[in-house]
Amino acid sequence: MSIQAIDSYLSGVRPGFQSSKTDIGSAPTIIDFYNCKTSDHGLVDESTKVQLINYNYTTPNEYWEEKTFTACFDGGQSHGEWAGRKGDDLFFQIKAVNGTTSSGSGPTLSATRVHMW
């Protein structure tokens, strides 16, 4: 089995954004956002909700719990880890940015590096 990490970036994404799919094996999945910022930095409740999803071709997708990323909204790093998951064709979806779940308006999220492994 080959393990393929995602090493990318985010630029002005809103809730509903989905990463590329990757096969990273059956170990815990870790997602790190580096130099992460929102377009409306400075709010009291700055956070991003991220959900890990296992894409299934013949059955419904498996949705893992949402993690709240709170540590990267002044250009820092935020980290989420999903233990005990299985499957391949994993991707993540941004579920909310600073409490906003609308994909059509509201704050955006950017990170100079996203590492999923």
PDB file of N, CA and C in Angstrom:
ATOM      1  N   MET A   1       0.840  -1.167   0.000  1.00  0.00           N
ATOM      2  CA  MET A   1       0.000   0.000   0.000  1.00  0.00           C
ATOM      3  C   MET A   1       0.891   1.237   0.000  1.00  0.00           C
ATOM      4  N   SER A   2       0.595   2.174  -0.884  1.00  0.00           N
ATOM      5  CA  SER A   2       1.361   3.409  -0.878  1.00  0.00           C
ATOM      6  C   SER A   2       0.645   4.430  -0.011  1.00  0.00           C
ATOM      7  N   ILE A   3       1.429   5.217   0.694  1.00  0.00           N
ATOM      8  CA  ILE A   3       0.870   6.253   1.549  1.00  0.00           C
ATOM      9  C   ILE A   3       1.156   7.589   0.884  1.00  0.00           C
ATOM     10  N   GLN A   4       0.094   8.349   0.643  1.00  0.00           N
ATOM     11  CA  GLN A   4       0.215   9.621  -0.048  1.00  0.00           C
ATOM     12  C   GLN A   4      -0.329  10.733   0.831  1.00  0.00           C
ATOM     13  N   ALA A   5       0.544  11.532   1.361  1.00  0.00           N
ATOM     14  CA  ALA A   5       0.119  12.676   2.164  1.00  0.00           C
ATOM     15  C   ALA A   5      -0.308  13.813   1.244  1.00  0.00           C
ATOM     16  N   ILE A   6      -1.185  14.644   1.744  1.00  0.00           N
ATOM     17  CA  ILE A   6      -1.543  15.873   1.044  1.00  0.00           C
ATOM     18  C   ILE A   6      -0.665  16.973   1.630  1.00  0.00           C
ATOM     19  N   ASP A   7       0.001  17.706   0.777  1.00  0.00           N
ATOM     20  CA  ASP A   7       0.788  18.858   1.188  1.00  0.00           C
ATOM     21  C   ASP A   7       0.391  19.977   0.248  1.00  0.00           C
ATOM     22  N   SER A   8      -0.432  20.881   0.732  1.00  0.00           N
ATOM     23  CA  SER A   8      -1.030  21.875  -0.140  1.00  0.00           C
ATOM     24  C   SER A   8      -1.195  23.182   0.626  1.00  0.00           C
ATOM     25  N   TYR A   9      -2.161  23.996   0.218  1.00  0.00           N
ATOM     26  CA  TYR A   9      -2.461  25.268   0.881  1.00  0.00           C
ATOM     27  C   TYR A   9      -3.942  25.566   0.708  1.00  0.00           C
ATOM     28  N   LEU A  10      -4.438  26.541   1.469  1.00  0.00           N
ATOM     29  CA  LEU A  10      -5.805  27.024   1.340  1.00  0.00           C
ATOM     30  C   LEU A  10      -5.749  28.514   1.053  1.00  0.00           C
ATOM     31  N   SER A  11      -6.584  28.974   0.153  1.00  0.00           N
ATOM     32  CA  SER A  11      -6.618  30.394  -0.178  1.00  0.00           C
ATOM     33  C   SER A  11      -8.062  30.854  -0.316  1.00  0.00           C
ATOM     34  N   GLY A  12      -8.539  31.550   0.692  1.00  0.00           N
ATOM     35  CA  GLY A  12      -9.874  32.134   0.642  1.00  0.00           C
ATOM     36  C   GLY A  12     -11.008  31.127   0.541  1.00  0.00           C
ATOM     37  N   VAL A  13     -10.903  30.006   1.250  1.00  0.00           N
ATOM     38  CA  VAL A  13     -11.963  28.994   1.166  1.00  0.00           C
ATOM     39  C   VAL A  13     -13.068  29.280   2.182  1.00  0.00           C
ATOM     40  N   ARG A  14     -14.248  28.788   1.867  1.00  0.00           N
ATOM     41  CA  ARG A  14     -15.431  28.948   2.725  1.00  0.00           C
ATOM     42  C   ARG A  14     -15.935  27.565   3.140  1.00  0.00           C
ATOM     43  N   PRO A  15     -16.877  27.531   4.076  1.00  0.00           N
ATOM     44  CA  PRO A  15     -17.483  26.242   4.435  1.00  0.00           C
ATOM     45  C   PRO A  15     -17.990  25.522   3.189  1.00  0.00           C
ATOM     46  N   GLY A  16     -17.795  24.207   3.173  1.00  0.00           N
ATOM     47  CA  GLY A  16     -18.152  23.392   2.021  1.00  0.00           C
ATOM     48  C   GLY A  16     -16.939  22.991   1.201  1.00  0.00           C
ATOM     49  N   PHE A  17     -15.817  23.708   1.372  1.00  0.00           N
ATOM     50  CA  PHE A  17     -14.603  23.348   0.643  1.00  0.00           C
ATOM     51  C   PHE A  17     -14.206  21.920   0.987  1.00  0.00           C
ATOM     52  N   GLN A  18     -13.796  21.140  -0.034  1.00  0.00           N
ATOM     53  CA  GLN A  18     -13.322  19.770   0.167  1.00  0.00           C
ATOM     54  C   GLN A  18     -11.924  19.635  -0.409  1.00  0.00           C
ATOM     55  N   SER A  19     -11.057  18.968   0.363  1.00  0.00           N
ATOM     56  CA  SER A  19      -9.692  18.719  -0.096  1.00  0.00           C
ATOM     57  C   SER A  19      -9.689  17.623  -1.150  1.00  0.00           C
ATOM     58  N   SER A  20      -8.530  17.397  -1.722  1.00  0.00           N
ATOM     59  CA  SER A  20      -8.340  16.251  -2.607  1.00  0.00           C
ATOM     60  C   SER A  20      -8.430  14.967  -1.794  1.00  0.00           C
ATOM     61  N   LYS A  21      -8.776  13.875  -2.468  1.00  0.00           N
ATOM     62  CA  LYS A  21      -8.817  12.568  -1.802  1.00  0.00           C
ATOM     63  C   LYS A  21      -7.421  11.970  -1.810  1.00  0.00           C
ATOM     64  N   THR A  22      -7.091  11.233  -0.745  1.00  0.00           N
ATOM     65  CA  THR A  22      -5.794  10.588  -0.662  1.00  0.00           C
ATOM     66  C   THR A  22      -5.897   9.282   0.104  1.00  0.00           C
ATOM     67  N   ASP A  23      -4.972   8.390  -0.153  1.00  0.00           N
ATOM     68  CA  ASP A  23      -4.873   7.124   0.569  1.00  0.00           C
ATOM     69  C   ASP A  23      -3.663   7.225   1.482  1.00  0.00           C
ATOM     70  N   ILE A  24      -3.900   7.377   2.780  1.00  0.00           N
ATOM     71  CA  ILE A  24      -2.796   7.547   3.715  1.00  0.00           C
ATOM     72  C   ILE A  24      -2.703   6.391   4.693  1.00  0.00           C
ATOM     73  N   GLY A  25      -3.268   5.258   4.322  1.00  0.00           N
ATOM     74  CA  GLY A  25      -3.132   4.075   5.167  1.00  0.00           C
ATOM     75  C   GLY A  25      -4.149   4.041   6.289  1.00  0.00           C
ATOM     76  N   SER A  26      -3.913   3.161   7.256  1.00  0.00           N
ATOM     77  CA  SER A  26      -4.906   2.946   8.311  1.00  0.00           C
ATOM     78  C   SER A  26      -4.477   3.491   9.661  1.00  0.00           C
ATOM     79  N   ALA A  27      -3.408   4.248   9.715  1.00  0.00           N
ATOM     80  CA  ALA A  27      -2.968   4.864  10.974  1.00  0.00           C
ATOM     81  C   ALA A  27      -3.871   6.058  11.287  1.00  0.00           C
ATOM     82  N   PRO A  28      -3.709   6.661  12.455  1.00  0.00           N
ATOM     83  CA  PRO A  28      -4.488   7.884  12.709  1.00  0.00           C
ATOM     84  C   PRO A  28      -4.229   8.924  11.620  1.00  0.00           C
ATOM     85  N   THR A  29      -5.229   9.715  11.320  1.00  0.00           N
ATOM     86  CA  THR A  29      -5.092  10.775  10.333  1.00  0.00           C
ATOM     87  C   THR A  29      -4.858  12.085  11.065  1.00  0.00           C
ATOM     88  N   ILE A  30      -3.859  12.818  10.607  1.00  0.00           N
ATOM     89  CA  ILE A  30      -3.504  14.098  11.209  1.00  0.00           C
ATOM     90  C   ILE A  30      -3.583  15.168  10.129  1.00  0.00           C
ATOM     91  N   ILE A  31      -4.189  16.299  10.477  1.00  0.00           N
ATOM     92  CA  ILE A  31      -4.249  17.444   9.584  1.00  0.00           C
ATOM     93  C   ILE A  31      -3.683  18.642  10.331  1.00  0.00           C
ATOM     94  N   ASP A  32      -2.724  19.315   9.707  1.00  0.00           N
ATOM     95  CA  ASP A  32      -2.128  20.521  10.264  1.00  0.00           C
ATOM     96  C   ASP A  32      -2.330  21.679   9.302  1.00  0.00           C
ATOM     97  N   PHE A  33      -2.764  22.829   9.845  1.00  0.00           N
ATOM     98  CA  PHE A  33      -2.843  24.072   9.084  1.00  0.00           C
ATOM     99  C   PHE A  33      -1.726  24.978   9.610  1.00  0.00           C
ATOM    100  N   TYR A  34      -0.905  25.510   8.719  1.00  0.00           N
ATOM    101  CA  TYR A  34       0.200  26.393   9.090  1.00  0.00           C
ATOM    102  C   TYR A  34      -0.069  27.803   8.577  1.00  0.00           C
ATOM    103  N   ASN A  35       0.317  28.804   9.370  1.00  0.00           N
ATOM    104  CA  ASN A  35       0.114  30.210   9.021  1.00  0.00           C
ATOM    105  C   ASN A  35      -1.325  30.439   8.574  1.00  0.00           C
ATOM    106  N   CYS A  36      -2.234  30.034   9.426  1.00  0.00           N
ATOM    107  CA  CYS A  36      -3.665  30.031   9.139  1.00  0.00           C
ATOM    108  C   CYS A  36      -4.295  31.350   9.585  1.00  0.00           C
ATOM    109  N   LYS A  37      -5.134  31.918   8.721  1.00  0.00           N
ATOM    110  CA  LYS A  37      -5.788  33.189   9.023  1.00  0.00           C
ATOM    111  C   LYS A  37      -7.197  33.198   8.439  1.00  0.00           C
ATOM    112  N   THR A  38      -8.065  33.982   9.074  1.00  0.00           N
ATOM    113  CA  THR A  38      -9.399  34.200   8.521  1.00  0.00           C
ATOM    114  C   THR A  38      -9.506  35.635   8.036  1.00  0.00           C
ATOM    115  N   SER A  39     -10.461  35.864   7.138  1.00  0.00           N
ATOM    116  CA  SER A  39     -10.618  37.202   6.565  1.00  0.00           C
ATOM    117  C   SER A  39     -11.172  38.197   7.567  1.00  0.00           C
ATOM    118  N   ASP A  40     -11.781  37.731   8.647  1.00  0.00           N
ATOM    119  CA  ASP A  40     -12.315  38.643   9.670  1.00  0.00           C
ATOM    120  C   ASP A  40     -11.621  38.407  11.012  1.00  0.00           C
ATOM    121  N   HIS A  41     -10.301  38.320  10.973  1.00  0.00           N
ATOM    122  CA  HIS A  41      -9.492  38.094  12.171  1.00  0.00           C
ATOM    123  C   HIS A  41      -9.819  39.140  13.243  1.00  0.00           C
ATOM    124  N   GLY A  42      -9.856  38.688  14.482  1.00  0.00           N
ATOM    125  CA  GLY A  42     -10.088  39.579  15.607  1.00  0.00           C
ATOM    126  C   GLY A  42     -11.395  39.333  16.334  1.00  0.00           C
ATOM    127  N   LEU A  43     -12.184  38.388  15.861  1.00  0.00           N
ATOM    128  CA  LEU A  43     -13.430  38.059  16.546  1.00  0.00           C
ATOM    129  C   LEU A  43     -13.147  37.301  17.837  1.00  0.00           C
ATOM    130  N   VAL A  44     -14.117  37.299  18.728  1.00  0.00           N
ATOM    131  CA  VAL A  44     -13.964  36.590  19.997  1.00  0.00           C
ATOM    132  C   VAL A  44     -13.934  35.080  19.775  1.00  0.00           C
ATOM    133  N   ASP A  45     -14.808  34.564  18.911  1.00  0.00           N
ATOM    134  CA  ASP A  45     -14.934  33.123  18.699  1.00  0.00           C
ATOM    135  C   ASP A  45     -14.309  32.722  17.369  1.00  0.00           C
ATOM    136  N   GLU A  46     -12.990  32.782  17.294  1.00  0.00           N
ATOM    137  CA  GLU A  46     -12.323  32.388  16.056  1.00  0.00           C
ATOM    138  C   GLU A  46     -12.049  30.892  16.075  1.00  0.00           C
ATOM    139  N   SER A  47     -12.625  30.203  15.117  1.00  0.00           N
ATOM    140  CA  SER A  47     -12.399  28.761  15.015  1.00  0.00           C
ATOM    141  C   SER A  47     -12.834  28.288  13.637  1.00  0.00           C
ATOM    142  N   THR A  48     -12.311  27.137  13.274  1.00  0.00           N
ATOM    143  CA  THR A  48     -12.717  26.480  12.036  1.00  0.00           C
ATOM    144  C   THR A  48     -13.086  25.048  12.370  1.00  0.00           C
ATOM    145  N   LYS A  49     -14.215  24.588  11.880  1.00  0.00           N
ATOM    146  CA  LYS A  49     -14.624  23.202  12.071  1.00  0.00           C
ATOM    147  C   LYS A  49     -14.246  22.416  10.829  1.00  0.00           C
ATOM    148  N   VAL A  50     -13.552  21.288  11.060  1.00  0.00           N
ATOM    149  CA  VAL A  50     -13.038  20.437   9.978  1.00  0.00           C
ATOM    150  C   VAL A  50     -13.572  19.030  10.202  1.00  0.00           C
ATOM    151  N   GLN A  51     -14.074  18.405   9.142  1.00  0.00           N
ATOM    152  CA  GLN A  51     -14.568  17.035   9.241  1.00  0.00           C
ATOM    153  C   GLN A  51     -13.795  16.142   8.283  1.00  0.00           C
ATOM    154  N   LEU A  52     -13.396  14.968   8.777  1.00  0.00           N
ATOM    155  CA  LEU A  52     -12.727  13.963   7.959  1.00  0.00           C
ATOM    156  C   LEU A  52     -13.787  13.039   7.376  1.00  0.00           C
ATOM    157  N   ILE A  53     -13.657  12.732   6.089  1.00  0.00           N
ATOM    158  CA  ILE A  53     -14.645  11.914   5.392  1.00  0.00           C
ATOM    159  C   ILE A  53     -13.922  10.819   4.621  1.00  0.00           C
ATOM    160  N   ASN A  54     -14.458   9.607   4.702  1.00  0.00           N
ATOM    161  CA  ASN A  54     -13.953   8.483   3.905  1.00  0.00           C
ATOM    162  C   ASN A  54     -14.925   8.279   2.751  1.00  0.00           C
ATOM    163  N   TYR A  55     -14.457   8.541   1.539  1.00  0.00           N
ATOM    164  CA  TYR A  55     -15.294   8.388   0.353  1.00  0.00           C
ATOM    165  C   TYR A  55     -15.446   6.907   0.025  1.00  0.00           C
ATOM    166  N   ASN A  56     -16.687   6.467  -0.142  1.00  0.00           N
ATOM    167  CA  ASN A  56     -16.975   5.084  -0.518  1.00  0.00           C
ATOM    168  C   ASN A  56     -17.667   5.085  -1.876  1.00  0.00           C
ATOM    169  N   TYR A  57     -17.203   4.224  -2.761  1.00  0.00           N
ATOM    170  CA  TYR A  57     -17.748   4.174  -4.119  1.00  0.00           C
ATOM    171  C   TYR A  57     -19.110   3.488  -4.172  1.00  0.00           C
ATOM    172  N   THR A  58     -19.338   2.483  -3.330  1.00  0.00           N
ATOM    173  CA  THR A  58     -20.562   1.685  -3.440  1.00  0.00           C
ATOM    174  C   THR A  58     -21.484   1.803  -2.238  1.00  0.00           C
ATOM    175  N   THR A  59     -21.037   2.390  -1.152  1.00  0.00           N
ATOM    176  CA  THR A  59     -21.871   2.569   0.037  1.00  0.00           C
ATOM    177  C   THR A  59     -21.790   4.035   0.458  1.00  0.00           C
ATOM    178  N   PRO A  60     -22.640   4.470   1.368  1.00  0.00           N
ATOM    179  CA  PRO A  60     -22.558   5.868   1.808  1.00  0.00           C
ATOM    180  C   PRO A  60     -21.189   6.198   2.418  1.00  0.00           C
ATOM    181  N   ASN A  61     -20.779   7.438   2.253  1.00  0.00           N
ATOM    182  CA  ASN A  61     -19.519   7.888   2.842  1.00  0.00           C
ATOM    183  C   ASN A  61     -19.547   7.734   4.355  1.00  0.00           C
ATOM    184  N   GLU A  62     -18.370   7.550   4.954  1.00  0.00           N
ATOM    185  CA  GLU A  62     -18.235   7.537   6.407  1.00  0.00           C
ATOM    186  C   GLU A  62     -17.795   8.929   6.850  1.00  0.00           C
ATOM    187  N   TYR A  63     -18.545   9.515   7.771  1.00  0.00           N
ATOM    188  CA  TYR A  63     -18.250  10.850   8.269  1.00  0.00           C
ATOM    189  C   TYR A  63     -17.691  10.735   9.678  1.00  0.00           C
ATOM    190  N   TRP A  64     -16.435  11.143   9.855  1.00  0.00           N
ATOM    191  CA  TRP A  64     -15.802  11.129  11.160  1.00  0.00           C
ATOM    192  C   TRP A  64     -16.142  12.432  11.873  1.00  0.00           C
ATOM    193  N   GLU A  65     -15.924  12.456  13.163  1.00  0.00           N
ATOM    194  CA  GLU A  65     -16.336  13.620  13.955  1.00  0.00           C
ATOM    195  C   GLU A  65     -15.647  14.894  13.470  1.00  0.00           C
ATOM    196  N   GLU A  66     -16.323  16.009  13.725  1.00  0.00           N
ATOM    197  CA  GLU A  66     -15.751  17.314  13.405  1.00  0.00           C
ATOM    198  C   GLU A  66     -14.757  17.695  14.495  1.00  0.00           C
ATOM    199  N   LYS A  67     -13.657  18.279  14.085  1.00  0.00           N
ATOM    200  CA  LYS A  67     -12.661  18.819  15.013  1.00  0.00           C
ATOM    201  C   LYS A  67     -12.695  20.340  14.887  1.00  0.00           C
ATOM    202  N   THR A  68     -12.486  21.016  16.009  1.00  0.00           N
ATOM    203  CA  THR A  68     -12.454  22.471  16.016  1.00  0.00           C
ATOM    204  C   THR A  68     -11.003  22.935  16.077  1.00  0.00           C
ATOM    205  N   PHE A  69     -10.588  23.652  15.063  1.00  0.00           N
ATOM    206  CA  PHE A  69      -9.238  24.209  14.997  1.00  0.00           C
ATOM    207  C   PHE A  69      -9.305  25.633  15.549  1.00  0.00           C
ATOM    208  N   THR A  70      -8.581  25.894  16.636  1.00  0.00           N
ATOM    209  CA  THR A  70      -8.678  27.200  17.292  1.00  0.00           C
ATOM    210  C   THR A  70      -7.349  27.923  17.450  1.00  0.00           C
ATOM    211  N   ALA A  71      -6.245  27.279  17.120  1.00  0.00           N
ATOM    212  CA  ALA A  71      -4.935  27.833  17.493  1.00  0.00           C
ATOM    213  C   ALA A  71      -4.205  28.551  16.375  1.00  0.00           C
ATOM    214  N   CYS A  72      -4.823  28.788  15.245  1.00  0.00           N
ATOM    215  CA  CYS A  72      -4.002  29.305  14.138  1.00  0.00           C
ATOM    216  C   CYS A  72      -4.524  30.595  13.535  1.00  0.00           C
ATOM    217  N   PHE A  73      -5.272  31.382  14.249  1.00  0.00           N
ATOM    218  CA  PHE A  73      -5.907  32.518  13.591  1.00  0.00           C
ATOM    219  C   PHE A  73      -5.143  33.822  13.703  1.00  0.00           C
ATOM    220  N   ASP A  74      -3.889  33.735  14.127  1.00  0.00           N
ATOM    221  CA  ASP A  74      -3.010  34.880  14.090  1.00  0.00           C
ATOM    222  C   ASP A  74      -1.724  34.478  13.388  1.00  0.00           C
ATOM    223  N   GLY A  75      -1.850  33.582  12.414  1.00  0.00           N
ATOM    224  CA  GLY A  75      -0.700  33.140  11.645  1.00  0.00           C
ATOM    225  C   GLY A  75       0.041  31.975  12.274  1.00  0.00           C
ATOM    226  N   GLY A  76      -0.568  31.255  13.198  1.00  0.00           N
ATOM    227  CA  GLY A  76       0.070  30.130  13.861  1.00  0.00           C
ATOM    228  C   GLY A  76      -0.257  28.798  13.209  1.00  0.00           C
ATOM    229  N   GLN A  77      -0.217  27.741  14.005  1.00  0.00           N
ATOM    230  CA  GLN A  77      -0.477  26.383  13.528  1.00  0.00           C
ATOM    231  C   GLN A  77      -1.642  25.784  14.311  1.00  0.00           C
ATOM    232  N   SER A  78      -2.507  25.066  13.619  1.00  0.00           N
ATOM    233  CA  SER A  78      -3.588  24.338  14.270  1.00  0.00           C
ATOM    234  C   SER A  78      -3.544  22.892  13.808  1.00  0.00           C
ATOM    235  N   HIS A  79      -4.021  22.002  14.673  1.00  0.00           N
ATOM    236  CA  HIS A  79      -3.783  20.573  14.498  1.00  0.00           C
ATOM    237  C   HIS A  79      -5.046  19.788  14.863  1.00  0.00           C
ATOM    238  N   GLY A  80      -5.362  18.779  14.071  1.00  0.00           N
ATOM    239  CA  GLY A  80      -6.457  17.861  14.385  1.00  0.00           C
ATOM    240  C   GLY A  80      -6.020  16.439  14.120  1.00  0.00           C
ATOM    241  N   GLU A  81      -6.460  15.519  14.969  1.00  0.00           N
ATOM    242  CA  GLU A  81      -6.089  14.111  14.814  1.00  0.00           C
ATOM    243  C   GLU A  81      -7.317  13.236  14.984  1.00  0.00           C
ATOM    244  N   TRP A  82      -7.498  12.313  14.049  1.00  0.00           N
ATOM    245  CA  TRP A  82      -8.592  11.358  14.077  1.00  0.00           C
ATOM    246  C   TRP A  82      -7.987   9.973  14.285  1.00  0.00           C
ATOM    247  N   ALA A  83      -8.227   9.383  15.441  1.00  0.00           N
ATOM    248  CA  ALA A  83      -7.681   8.060  15.763  1.00  0.00           C
ATOM    249  C   ALA A  83      -8.737   6.991  15.485  1.00  0.00           C
ATOM    250  N   GLY A  84      -8.267   5.778  15.179  1.00  0.00           N
ATOM    251  CA  GLY A  84      -9.172   4.649  15.035  1.00  0.00           C
ATOM    252  C   GLY A  84      -9.953   4.599  13.742  1.00  0.00           C
ATOM    253  N   ARG A  85      -9.679   5.488  12.833  1.00  0.00           N
ATOM    254  CA  ARG A  85     -10.430   5.472  11.577  1.00  0.00           C
ATOM    255  C   ARG A  85      -9.816   4.443  10.630  1.00  0.00           C
ATOM    256  N   LYS A  86     -10.614   4.059   9.651  1.00  0.00           N
ATOM    257  CA  LYS A  86     -10.134   3.105   8.657  1.00  0.00           C
ATOM    258  C   LYS A  86     -10.541   3.605   7.287  1.00  0.00           C
ATOM    259  N   GLY A  87      -9.986   2.990   6.264  1.00  0.00           N
ATOM    260  CA  GLY A  87     -10.400   3.332   4.911  1.00  0.00           C
ATOM    261  C   GLY A  87      -9.349   4.099   4.149  1.00  0.00           C
ATOM    262  N   ASP A  88      -9.619   4.225   2.876  1.00  0.00           N
ATOM    263  CA  ASP A  88      -8.767   5.021   2.017  1.00  0.00           C
ATOM    264  C   ASP A  88      -9.650   6.065   1.356  1.00  0.00           C
ATOM    265  N   ASP A  89      -9.144   6.746   0.386  1.00  0.00           N
ATOM    266  CA  ASP A  89      -9.875   7.837  -0.263  1.00  0.00           C
ATOM    267  C   ASP A  89     -10.433   8.811   0.772  1.00  0.00           C
ATOM    268  N   LEU A  90      -9.562   9.266   1.652  1.00  0.00           N
ATOM    269  CA  LEU A  90      -9.934  10.218   2.689  1.00  0.00           C
ATOM    270  C   LEU A  90      -9.800  11.644   2.178  1.00  0.00           C
ATOM    271  N   PHE A  91     -10.682  12.500   2.656  1.00  0.00           N
ATOM    272  CA  PHE A  91     -10.568  13.927   2.384  1.00  0.00           C
ATOM    273  C   PHE A  91     -11.174  14.673   3.551  1.00  0.00           C
ATOM    274  N   PHE A  92     -10.893  15.970   3.647  1.00  0.00           N
ATOM    275  CA  PHE A  92     -11.519  16.767   4.697  1.00  0.00           C
ATOM    276  C   PHE A  92     -12.392  17.836   4.082  1.00  0.00           C
ATOM    277  N   GLN A  93     -13.350  18.278   4.882  1.00  0.00           N
ATOM    278  CA  GLN A  93     -14.257  19.340   4.461  1.00  0.00           C
ATOM    279  C   GLN A  93     -14.286  20.412   5.537  1.00  0.00           C
ATOM    280  N   ILE A  94     -14.253  21.670   5.108  1.00  0.00           N
ATOM    281  CA  ILE A  94     -14.412  22.786   6.031  1.00  0.00           C
ATOM    282  C   ILE A  94     -15.909  22.929   6.293  1.00  0.00           C
ATOM    283  N   LYS A  95     -16.303  22.796   7.558  1.00  0.00           N
ATOM    284  CA  LYS A  95     -17.721  22.841   7.921  1.00  0.00           C
ATOM    285  C   LYS A  95     -18.172  24.225   8.396  1.00  0.00           C
ATOM    286  N   ALA A  96     -17.261  24.988   9.035  1.00  0.00           N
ATOM    287  CA  ALA A  96     -17.611  26.331   9.516  1.00  0.00           C
ATOM    288  C   ALA A  96     -16.331  27.146   9.683  1.00  0.00           C
ATOM    289  N   VAL A  97     -16.450  28.441   9.448  1.00  0.00           N
ATOM    290  CA  VAL A  97     -15.358  29.383   9.700  1.00  0.00           C
ATOM    291  C   VAL A  97     -15.911  30.482  10.596  1.00  0.00           C
ATOM    292  N   ASN A  98     -15.338  30.608  11.782  1.00  0.00           N
ATOM    293  CA  ASN A  98     -15.772  31.610  12.770  1.00  0.00           C
ATOM    294  C   ASN A  98     -17.287  31.566  12.998  1.00  0.00           C
ATOM    295  N   GLY A  99     -17.823  30.356  13.065  1.00  0.00           N
ATOM    296  CA  GLY A  99     -19.240  30.162  13.352  1.00  0.00           C
ATOM    297  C   GLY A  99     -20.152  30.227  12.146  1.00  0.00           C
ATOM    298  N   THR A 100     -19.637  30.625  10.992  1.00  0.00           N
ATOM    299  CA  THR A 100     -20.444  30.732   9.782  1.00  0.00           C
ATOM    300  C   THR A 100     -20.382  29.421   9.004  1.00  0.00           C
ATOM    301  N   THR A 101     -21.558  28.894   8.655  1.00  0.00           N
ATOM    302  CA  THR A 101     -21.616  27.648   7.886  1.00  0.00           C
ATOM    303  C   THR A 101     -22.006  27.883   6.427  1.00  0.00           C
ATOM    304  N   SER A 102     -22.299  29.110   6.069  1.00  0.00           N
ATOM    305  CA  SER A 102     -22.719  29.428   4.704  1.00  0.00           C
ATOM    306  C   SER A 102     -21.539  29.398   3.750  1.00  0.00           C
ATOM    307  N   SER A 103     -21.721  28.749   2.608  1.00  0.00           N
ATOM    308  CA  SER A 103     -20.657  28.695   1.607  1.00  0.00           C
ATOM    309  C   SER A 103     -20.693  29.912   0.683  1.00  0.00           C
ATOM    310  N   GLY A 104     -21.765  30.696   0.748  1.00  0.00           N
ATOM    311  CA  GLY A 104     -21.921  31.803  -0.191  1.00  0.00           C
ATOM    312  C   GLY A 104     -21.441  33.142   0.308  1.00  0.00           C
ATOM    313  N   SER A 105     -21.297  33.297   1.611  1.00  0.00           N
ATOM    314  CA  SER A 105     -20.860  34.580   2.147  1.00  0.00           C
ATOM    315  C   SER A 105     -20.188  34.342   3.496  1.00  0.00           C
ATOM    316  N   GLY A 106     -19.658  35.401   4.050  1.00  0.00           N
ATOM    317  CA  GLY A 106     -19.021  35.285   5.350  1.00  0.00           C
ATOM    318  C   GLY A 106     -17.515  35.168   5.248  1.00  0.00           C
ATOM    319  N   PRO A 107     -16.874  34.870   6.370  1.00  0.00           N
ATOM    320  CA  PRO A 107     -15.417  34.854   6.412  1.00  0.00           C
ATOM    321  C   PRO A 107     -14.812  33.719   5.590  1.00  0.00           C
ATOM    322  N   THR A 108     -13.595  33.944   5.145  1.00  0.00           N
ATOM    323  CA  THR A 108     -12.845  32.932   4.413  1.00  0.00           C
ATOM    324  C   THR A 108     -11.639  32.502   5.243  1.00  0.00           C
ATOM    325  N   LEU A 109     -11.074  31.361   4.872  1.00  0.00           N
ATOM    326  CA  LEU A 109      -9.942  30.774   5.567  1.00  0.00           C
ATOM    327  C   LEU A 109      -8.790  30.583   4.595  1.00  0.00           C
ATOM    328  N   SER A 110      -7.583  30.943   5.040  1.00  0.00           N
ATOM    329  CA  SER A 110      -6.375  30.722   4.236  1.00  0.00           C
ATOM    330  C   SER A 110      -5.298  30.113   5.126  1.00  0.00           C
ATOM    331  N   ALA A 111      -4.460  29.267   4.552  1.00  0.00           N
ATOM    332  CA  ALA A 111      -3.298  28.695   5.235  1.00  0.00           C
ATOM    333  C   ALA A 111      -2.209  28.511   4.199  1.00  0.00           C
ATOM    334  N   THR A 112      -0.993  28.926   4.524  1.00  0.00           N
ATOM    335  CA  THR A 112       0.085  28.810   3.550  1.00  0.00           C
ATOM    336  C   THR A 112       0.508  27.356   3.339  1.00  0.00           C
ATOM    337  N   ARG A 113       0.211  26.484   4.327  1.00  0.00           N
ATOM    338  CA  ARG A 113       0.505  25.068   4.160  1.00  0.00           C
ATOM    339  C   ARG A 113      -0.561  24.253   4.879  1.00  0.00           C
ATOM    340  N   VAL A 114      -1.037  23.206   4.206  1.00  0.00           N
ATOM    341  CA  VAL A 114      -1.923  22.210   4.801  1.00  0.00           C
ATOM    342  C   VAL A 114      -1.231  20.864   4.616  1.00  0.00           C
ATOM    343  N   HIS A 115      -1.044  20.161   5.716  1.00  0.00           N
ATOM    344  CA  HIS A 115      -0.401  18.858   5.651  1.00  0.00           C
ATOM    345  C   HIS A 115      -1.348  17.821   6.257  1.00  0.00           C
ATOM    346  N   MET A 116      -1.782  16.868   5.453  1.00  0.00           N
ATOM    347  CA  MET A 116      -2.665  15.784   5.907  1.00  0.00           C
ATOM    348  C   MET A 116      -1.915  14.481   5.736  1.00  0.00           C
ATOM    349  N   TRP A 117      -1.747  13.750   6.843  1.00  0.00           N
ATOM    350  CA  TRP A 117      -0.955  12.512   6.814  1.00  0.00           C
ATOM    351  C   TRP A 117      -1.456  11.528   7.825  1.00  0.00           C
TER     352      TRP A 117
END
